[in-house]
N, C-alpha and C. Protein backbone atom coordinates (compact mmCIF):
# COMPACT_ATOMS: atom_id res chain seq x y z
N UNK A 1 22.91 96.36 57.29
CA UNK A 1 23.30 97.89 57.20
C UNK A 1 21.87 98.29 56.10
N UNK A 2 21.27 99.34 55.88
CA UNK A 2 20.15 100.12 55.56
C UNK A 2 20.50 100.09 53.72
N UNK A 3 19.44 99.10 52.57
CA UNK A 3 20.19 99.56 51.59
C UNK A 3 19.66 101.39 51.16
N UNK A 4 20.56 102.26 50.90
CA UNK A 4 20.54 103.39 50.59
C UNK A 4 18.94 104.11 49.57
N UNK A 5 18.85 102.51 48.56
CA UNK A 5 17.82 103.67 47.49
C UNK A 5 16.32 103.41 48.09
N UNK A 6 16.13 102.56 49.21
CA UNK A 6 14.88 101.25 49.70
C UNK A 6 14.34 102.29 50.71
N UNK A 7 13.18 102.38 50.87
CA UNK A 7 13.04 103.34 52.43
C UNK A 7 11.36 102.79 51.97
N UNK A 8 10.98 101.94 53.65
CA UNK A 8 10.18 101.89 53.86
C UNK A 8 8.96 102.53 55.23
N UNK A 9 7.87 103.08 54.40
CA UNK A 9 7.57 104.05 55.29
C UNK A 9 5.87 103.17 55.91
N UNK A 10 5.61 104.14 56.60
CA UNK A 10 3.89 104.00 57.33
C UNK A 10 3.24 104.86 56.30
N UNK A 11 1.77 104.44 56.30
CA UNK A 11 1.48 105.73 55.50
C UNK A 11 0.32 106.45 56.82
N UNK A 12 0.26 107.56 56.33
CA UNK A 12 -0.37 108.40 57.15
C UNK A 12 -1.23 109.51 56.17
N UNK A 13 -2.29 110.18 57.13
CA UNK A 13 -2.77 111.17 56.48
C UNK A 13 -2.21 112.50 56.51
N UNK A 14 -2.41 113.11 55.36
CA UNK A 14 -1.20 114.53 54.85
C UNK A 14 -2.45 115.55 54.80
N UNK A 15 -2.16 116.91 54.58
CA UNK A 15 -2.72 117.68 55.10
C UNK A 15 -3.87 118.72 54.47
N UNK A 16 -4.43 117.61 52.95
CA UNK A 16 -5.12 117.78 52.01
C UNK A 16 -4.69 118.92 51.26
N UNK A 17 -3.52 119.41 50.86
CA UNK A 17 -3.10 120.59 50.17
C UNK A 17 -1.62 119.58 48.70
N UNK A 18 -2.13 118.71 49.46
CA UNK A 18 -1.17 118.23 47.80
C UNK A 18 -2.06 118.09 46.74
N UNK A 19 -3.05 117.97 47.23
CA UNK A 19 -4.02 118.03 45.95
C UNK A 19 -4.46 119.44 45.00
N UNK A 20 -4.17 120.43 45.73
CA UNK A 20 -4.46 121.27 45.07
C UNK A 20 -3.03 121.97 44.27
N UNK A 21 -2.09 121.52 45.18
CA UNK A 21 -0.32 121.74 44.21
C UNK A 21 -0.16 120.84 42.65
N UNK A 22 -0.53 119.44 43.02
CA UNK A 22 -0.83 119.09 42.47
C UNK A 22 -1.41 119.05 41.10
N UNK A 23 -2.40 119.40 40.58
CA UNK A 23 -3.43 120.64 39.56
C UNK A 23 -3.59 121.76 39.37
N UNK A 24 -2.61 122.53 39.31
CA UNK A 24 -1.77 123.73 39.09
C UNK A 24 -0.68 123.31 37.68
N UNK A 25 -1.46 124.09 36.51
CA UNK A 25 -1.24 123.85 35.41
C UNK A 25 -0.01 123.79 35.43
N UNK A 26 1.04 124.76 36.32
CA UNK A 26 2.46 124.78 35.84
C UNK A 26 3.28 123.03 36.46
N UNK A 27 2.43 122.76 37.31
CA UNK A 27 3.32 121.63 38.44
C UNK A 27 3.21 120.29 37.71
N UNK A 28 1.56 119.99 36.75
CA UNK A 28 1.46 119.22 35.54
C UNK A 28 2.77 118.93 34.83
N UNK A 29 2.77 120.52 34.35
CA UNK A 29 3.17 120.11 32.89
C UNK A 29 5.00 120.06 33.17
N UNK A 30 5.63 120.75 34.50
CA UNK A 30 6.62 120.23 35.24
C UNK A 30 7.08 119.26 35.15
N UNK A 31 6.21 118.27 35.67
CA UNK A 31 6.21 117.14 35.86
C UNK A 31 6.09 115.88 35.16
N UNK A 32 5.34 116.54 33.83
CA UNK A 32 5.21 115.71 32.53
C UNK A 32 6.85 115.47 31.54
N UNK A 33 6.96 116.72 32.18
CA UNK A 33 8.63 117.13 31.53
C UNK A 33 9.69 116.63 31.72
N UNK A 34 9.63 116.84 33.44
CA UNK A 34 10.79 116.17 33.85
C UNK A 34 10.40 115.07 34.35
N UNK A 35 9.65 114.08 34.72
CA UNK A 35 9.34 113.62 35.39
C UNK A 35 8.43 112.29 34.63
N UNK A 36 8.16 112.36 33.68
CA UNK A 36 7.52 111.31 32.33
C UNK A 36 5.87 111.21 32.75
N UNK A 37 5.66 112.18 34.25
CA UNK A 37 4.59 111.69 33.94
C UNK A 37 2.92 113.11 34.66
N UNK A 38 2.04 113.30 34.43
CA UNK A 38 1.13 114.17 35.24
C UNK A 38 0.43 113.22 36.42
N UNK A 39 1.16 114.09 37.31
CA UNK A 39 0.66 113.03 39.09
C UNK A 39 -1.21 113.65 39.65
N UNK A 40 -1.41 112.28 39.73
CA UNK A 40 -3.03 112.27 40.33
C UNK A 40 -3.02 113.34 41.75
N UNK A 41 -4.18 113.77 41.47
CA UNK A 41 -4.93 114.69 42.51
C UNK A 41 -4.58 114.53 43.73
N UNK A 42 -3.48 115.31 44.70
CA UNK A 42 -2.94 114.61 46.01
C UNK A 42 -1.97 113.65 45.99
N UNK A 43 -1.49 113.23 47.19
CA UNK A 43 -0.17 112.59 47.50
C UNK A 43 -0.28 111.80 48.43
N UNK A 44 0.50 110.98 48.35
CA UNK A 44 0.94 109.94 49.94
C UNK A 44 1.90 110.20 50.81
N UNK A 45 1.56 110.12 51.40
CA UNK A 45 2.11 110.61 53.39
C UNK A 45 3.04 109.52 53.65
N UNK A 46 3.93 109.30 54.01
CA UNK A 46 5.15 108.50 54.40
C UNK A 46 5.85 108.73 55.55
N UNK A 47 5.63 108.20 56.54
CA UNK A 47 5.68 108.57 57.67
C UNK A 47 7.25 108.06 57.92
N UNK A 48 8.51 108.09 58.16
CA UNK A 48 9.89 107.37 57.74
C UNK A 48 10.33 106.47 58.88
N UNK A 49 10.68 105.95 59.62
CA UNK A 49 11.07 105.19 60.65
C UNK A 49 12.97 105.73 60.34
N UNK A 50 13.23 105.83 61.90
CA UNK A 50 14.59 106.70 62.37
C UNK A 50 15.65 106.19 61.56
N UNK A 51 15.67 105.26 61.66
CA UNK A 51 16.76 103.82 60.58
C UNK A 51 16.60 105.00 59.21
N UNK A 52 16.13 105.46 58.96
CA UNK A 52 15.83 105.88 57.03
C UNK A 52 16.22 107.33 56.90
N UNK A 53 16.00 107.80 58.21
CA UNK A 53 16.38 109.17 57.94
C UNK A 53 17.42 109.99 57.43
N UNK A 54 18.00 109.35 57.79
CA UNK A 54 19.49 109.84 57.22
C UNK A 54 19.71 109.70 56.04
N UNK A 55 18.61 108.76 55.27
CA UNK A 55 18.55 108.72 53.24
C UNK A 55 18.14 110.05 52.97
N UNK A 56 16.06 110.47 53.88
CA UNK A 56 15.95 111.54 53.20
C UNK A 56 16.45 112.51 53.75
N UNK A 57 17.69 113.02 54.68
CA UNK A 57 18.39 114.05 54.76
C UNK A 57 18.74 114.75 54.11
N UNK A 58 19.41 113.53 53.39
CA UNK A 58 20.68 113.29 52.43
C UNK A 58 20.38 114.18 50.59
N UNK A 59 18.83 113.16 50.95
CA UNK A 59 18.04 113.04 49.10
C UNK A 59 17.85 114.74 49.39
N UNK A 60 17.40 115.78 50.58
CA UNK A 60 16.76 116.86 50.50
C UNK A 60 17.85 117.27 50.68
N UNK A 61 19.21 117.67 50.43
CA UNK A 61 20.70 118.11 50.33
C UNK A 61 20.65 117.81 48.39
N UNK A 62 20.43 117.11 47.73
CA UNK A 62 20.63 116.85 46.92
C UNK A 62 19.80 117.88 45.77
N UNK A 63 20.19 118.26 44.86
CA UNK A 63 19.77 119.09 43.69
C UNK A 63 17.93 118.46 43.31
N UNK A 64 18.27 116.98 42.80
CA UNK A 64 16.60 117.03 42.20
C UNK A 64 16.49 117.31 40.80
N UNK A 65 14.64 117.60 40.10
CA UNK A 65 14.42 118.16 39.29
C UNK A 65 13.22 119.62 40.13
N UNK A 66 13.56 120.62 39.71
CA UNK A 66 13.23 121.31 40.82
C UNK A 66 12.25 121.84 40.30
N UNK A 67 10.62 122.38 40.74
CA UNK A 67 9.40 122.81 40.03
C UNK A 67 9.32 124.17 40.16
N UNK A 68 9.45 124.73 39.04
CA UNK A 68 9.98 126.71 39.53
C UNK A 68 8.62 126.96 38.75
N UNK A 69 7.88 127.66 40.02
CA UNK A 69 6.53 128.38 39.97
C UNK A 69 6.90 129.76 39.12
N UNK A 70 5.86 129.67 38.16
CA UNK A 70 5.92 131.16 36.86
C UNK A 70 5.74 132.51 37.94
N UNK A 71 5.03 132.32 38.87
CA UNK A 71 5.56 133.92 39.53
C UNK A 71 5.61 133.94 41.35
N UNK A 72 5.75 134.85 42.24
CA UNK A 72 5.66 134.64 43.23
C UNK A 72 4.96 134.35 44.27
N UNK A 73 3.64 134.41 43.64
CA UNK A 73 2.19 133.87 44.71
C UNK A 73 2.47 131.94 45.01
N UNK A 74 3.08 131.19 44.52
CA UNK A 74 3.84 130.08 44.63
C UNK A 74 5.41 129.68 44.84
N UNK A 75 5.12 128.75 45.19
CA UNK A 75 6.56 128.06 45.79
C UNK A 75 7.14 127.07 44.84
N UNK A 76 8.39 126.91 45.18
CA UNK A 76 9.16 126.59 45.00
C UNK A 76 8.72 124.66 45.10
N UNK A 77 9.41 124.25 44.79
CA UNK A 77 9.53 122.53 45.30
C UNK A 77 10.57 122.02 43.97
N UNK A 78 11.16 120.53 44.92
CA UNK A 78 12.32 119.76 44.10
C UNK A 78 11.56 118.30 43.54
N UNK A 79 11.65 117.79 43.22
CA UNK A 79 11.07 116.48 42.97
C UNK A 79 11.94 115.48 43.16
N UNK A 80 12.14 113.92 43.23
CA UNK A 80 12.83 112.57 43.27
C UNK A 80 12.61 111.89 42.34
N UNK A 81 12.78 110.89 41.82
CA UNK A 81 11.93 109.50 40.75
C UNK A 81 12.03 108.62 41.59
N UNK A 82 10.84 107.57 42.07
CA UNK A 82 11.15 107.08 43.10
C UNK A 82 10.29 105.91 42.31
N UNK A 83 9.94 104.91 42.53
CA UNK A 83 9.31 103.49 42.50
C UNK A 83 8.13 103.18 43.55
N UNK A 84 7.27 103.47 43.60
CA UNK A 84 6.37 103.04 44.98
C UNK A 84 5.92 101.10 44.51
N UNK A 85 6.27 100.42 45.31
CA UNK A 85 5.98 99.20 44.72
C UNK A 85 5.82 98.97 43.43
N UNK A 86 6.58 99.29 42.25
CA UNK A 86 6.67 98.95 41.17
C UNK A 86 6.02 100.19 40.12
N UNK A 87 5.14 100.65 40.84
CA UNK A 87 4.67 102.33 40.30
C UNK A 87 5.69 103.43 40.51
N UNK A 88 5.75 103.85 39.34
CA UNK A 88 6.24 105.40 39.04
C UNK A 88 5.63 106.67 40.00
N UNK A 89 7.05 107.10 40.23
CA UNK A 89 6.58 108.02 41.44
C UNK A 89 7.72 109.29 41.64
N UNK A 90 7.05 109.93 43.05
CA UNK A 90 8.47 111.16 42.79
C UNK A 90 8.11 112.00 44.28
N UNK A 91 9.27 111.63 45.03
CA UNK A 91 9.43 112.51 46.47
C UNK A 91 9.44 113.81 46.31
N UNK A 92 8.34 114.66 46.78
CA UNK A 92 8.17 115.85 46.44
C UNK A 92 9.05 116.32 48.17
N UNK A 93 9.49 117.39 47.78
CA UNK A 93 10.02 118.33 49.03
C UNK A 93 9.71 119.86 48.52
N UNK A 94 8.78 119.90 49.30
CA UNK A 94 8.53 121.50 49.13
C UNK A 94 9.15 122.68 49.60
N UNK A 95 9.52 124.12 49.46
CA UNK A 95 10.09 125.11 49.55
C UNK A 95 10.35 124.53 51.34
N UNK A 96 11.30 125.30 51.97
CA UNK A 96 11.52 124.87 53.06
C UNK A 96 10.34 125.73 54.43
N UNK A 97 9.95 126.94 53.43
CA UNK A 97 8.76 127.72 53.94
C UNK A 97 8.02 127.44 54.56
N UNK A 98 7.14 126.49 53.21
CA UNK A 98 5.94 126.27 53.10
C UNK A 98 5.66 124.92 53.70
N UNK A 99 6.87 124.12 54.31
CA UNK A 99 6.55 122.21 54.36
C UNK A 99 5.45 122.53 56.08
N UNK A 100 4.81 121.22 55.57
CA UNK A 100 3.71 121.63 56.98
C UNK A 100 3.87 120.36 57.00
N UNK A 101 4.45 119.23 56.66
CA UNK A 101 4.56 117.99 57.78
C UNK A 101 5.88 117.83 58.51
N UNK A 102 6.20 116.86 59.46
CA UNK A 102 7.60 116.95 60.43
C UNK A 102 8.16 116.22 59.40
N UNK A 103 9.40 116.73 59.72
CA UNK A 103 10.92 116.41 58.57
C UNK A 103 10.75 114.57 58.38
N UNK A 104 9.88 113.86 59.18
CA UNK A 104 10.41 112.57 59.50
C UNK A 104 8.93 111.98 57.93
N UNK A 105 8.23 112.85 57.31
CA UNK A 105 6.99 112.62 56.80
C UNK A 105 7.21 112.91 54.86
N UNK A 106 7.44 111.85 54.13
CA UNK A 106 7.72 112.50 53.00
C UNK A 106 6.21 112.61 52.13
N UNK A 107 6.35 113.08 51.30
CA UNK A 107 4.70 113.59 50.76
C UNK A 107 5.50 112.98 48.77
N UNK A 108 4.83 111.73 48.50
CA UNK A 108 4.78 111.09 46.71
C UNK A 108 3.91 111.27 46.20
N UNK A 109 4.32 111.53 45.29
CA UNK A 109 2.91 112.15 43.88
C UNK A 109 3.32 110.70 42.98
N UNK A 110 2.34 110.89 41.92
CA UNK A 110 2.31 109.78 41.15
C UNK A 110 1.60 109.79 40.14
N UNK A 111 1.72 108.99 38.97
CA UNK A 111 0.13 109.23 37.76
C UNK A 111 -1.21 108.29 38.60
N UNK A 112 -0.91 107.40 39.38
CA UNK A 112 -1.93 106.62 39.90
C UNK A 112 -2.27 106.97 41.16
N UNK A 113 -3.44 107.36 41.40
CA UNK A 113 -3.78 107.16 42.87
C UNK A 113 -3.29 105.91 43.61
N UNK A 114 -2.14 106.30 44.58
CA UNK A 114 -1.53 105.04 45.41
C UNK A 114 -2.39 104.25 45.97
N UNK A 115 -2.80 104.88 46.64
CA UNK A 115 -3.89 103.98 47.60
C UNK A 115 -4.41 102.92 47.10
N UNK A 116 -5.53 103.82 46.51
CA UNK A 116 -6.23 102.34 45.42
C UNK A 116 -5.72 101.74 44.47
N UNK A 117 -4.67 102.30 43.90
CA UNK A 117 -3.73 100.80 43.12
C UNK A 117 -3.12 100.18 43.84
N UNK A 118 -2.62 100.12 45.11
CA UNK A 118 -2.15 98.68 46.03
C UNK A 118 -3.02 98.60 46.65
N UNK A 119 -3.78 98.46 47.15
CA UNK A 119 -5.24 98.59 47.61
C UNK A 119 -4.27 98.48 49.59
N UNK A 120 -4.22 100.00 49.49
CA UNK A 120 -3.20 100.06 51.26
C UNK A 120 -4.22 101.48 51.76
N UNK A 121 -4.22 101.56 53.29
CA UNK A 121 -4.78 102.60 53.87
C UNK A 121 -3.18 102.84 54.73
N UNK A 122 -3.94 103.88 55.28
CA UNK A 122 -3.44 104.25 56.67
C UNK A 122 -2.82 103.62 57.51
N UNK A 123 -1.59 103.31 57.59
CA UNK A 123 -1.53 102.27 58.59
C UNK A 123 -0.44 101.77 58.38
N UNK A 124 -0.89 101.14 56.80
CA UNK A 124 -0.18 100.31 56.63
C UNK A 124 1.48 100.61 55.85
N UNK A 125 2.52 100.05 55.22
CA UNK A 125 3.58 100.00 55.10
C UNK A 125 3.43 99.71 54.04
N UNK A 126 4.70 100.73 53.11
CA UNK A 126 4.94 101.17 51.53
C UNK A 126 6.43 101.14 51.82
N UNK A 127 6.87 100.16 50.16
CA UNK A 127 8.42 100.69 49.89
C UNK A 127 8.69 101.01 48.74
N UNK A 128 9.08 102.53 48.75
CA UNK A 128 9.47 103.01 47.78
C UNK A 128 11.28 103.08 47.83
N UNK A 129 12.17 103.04 46.00
CA UNK A 129 13.14 103.03 45.53
C UNK A 129 12.92 104.00 45.00
N UNK A 130 14.37 105.02 45.50
CA UNK A 130 14.21 105.47 45.07
C UNK A 130 15.42 105.80 44.15
N UNK A 131 14.92 106.89 42.66
CA UNK A 131 16.30 106.24 41.70
C UNK A 131 17.24 107.45 41.39
N UNK A 132 18.59 106.84 41.03
CA UNK A 132 19.33 107.86 40.90
C UNK A 132 19.54 108.14 39.54
N UNK A 133 20.17 109.72 39.43
CA UNK A 133 20.52 110.20 38.10
C UNK A 133 21.67 108.80 37.34
């Protein structure tokens, strides 16, 4: 049986849009207030195996913490606290109309550059633990 709080995924390249998003003042402020950290510029993208996709899909249905834009020029998003190999982070689910990744790819933000901190690269496996309220 799969531990519903644990997902191991493969690191994959992203669209490079995460760096822009994570550096917006309103995103940084809300991440600090809601998650307790200011995100590093960019995201870690994980390709989730088929047997763990139900966990991700259930998480998409939950409330999480909403990142609310100051105006309609930006999209909203939801974040869910996680631990990435012991480092604080969060899964980010952008609004569906601006999602750029397949449903089996999740984006992780963290106060640290995760690839460097963990000494990992594309193709390596990383385990995340979802923190429930």
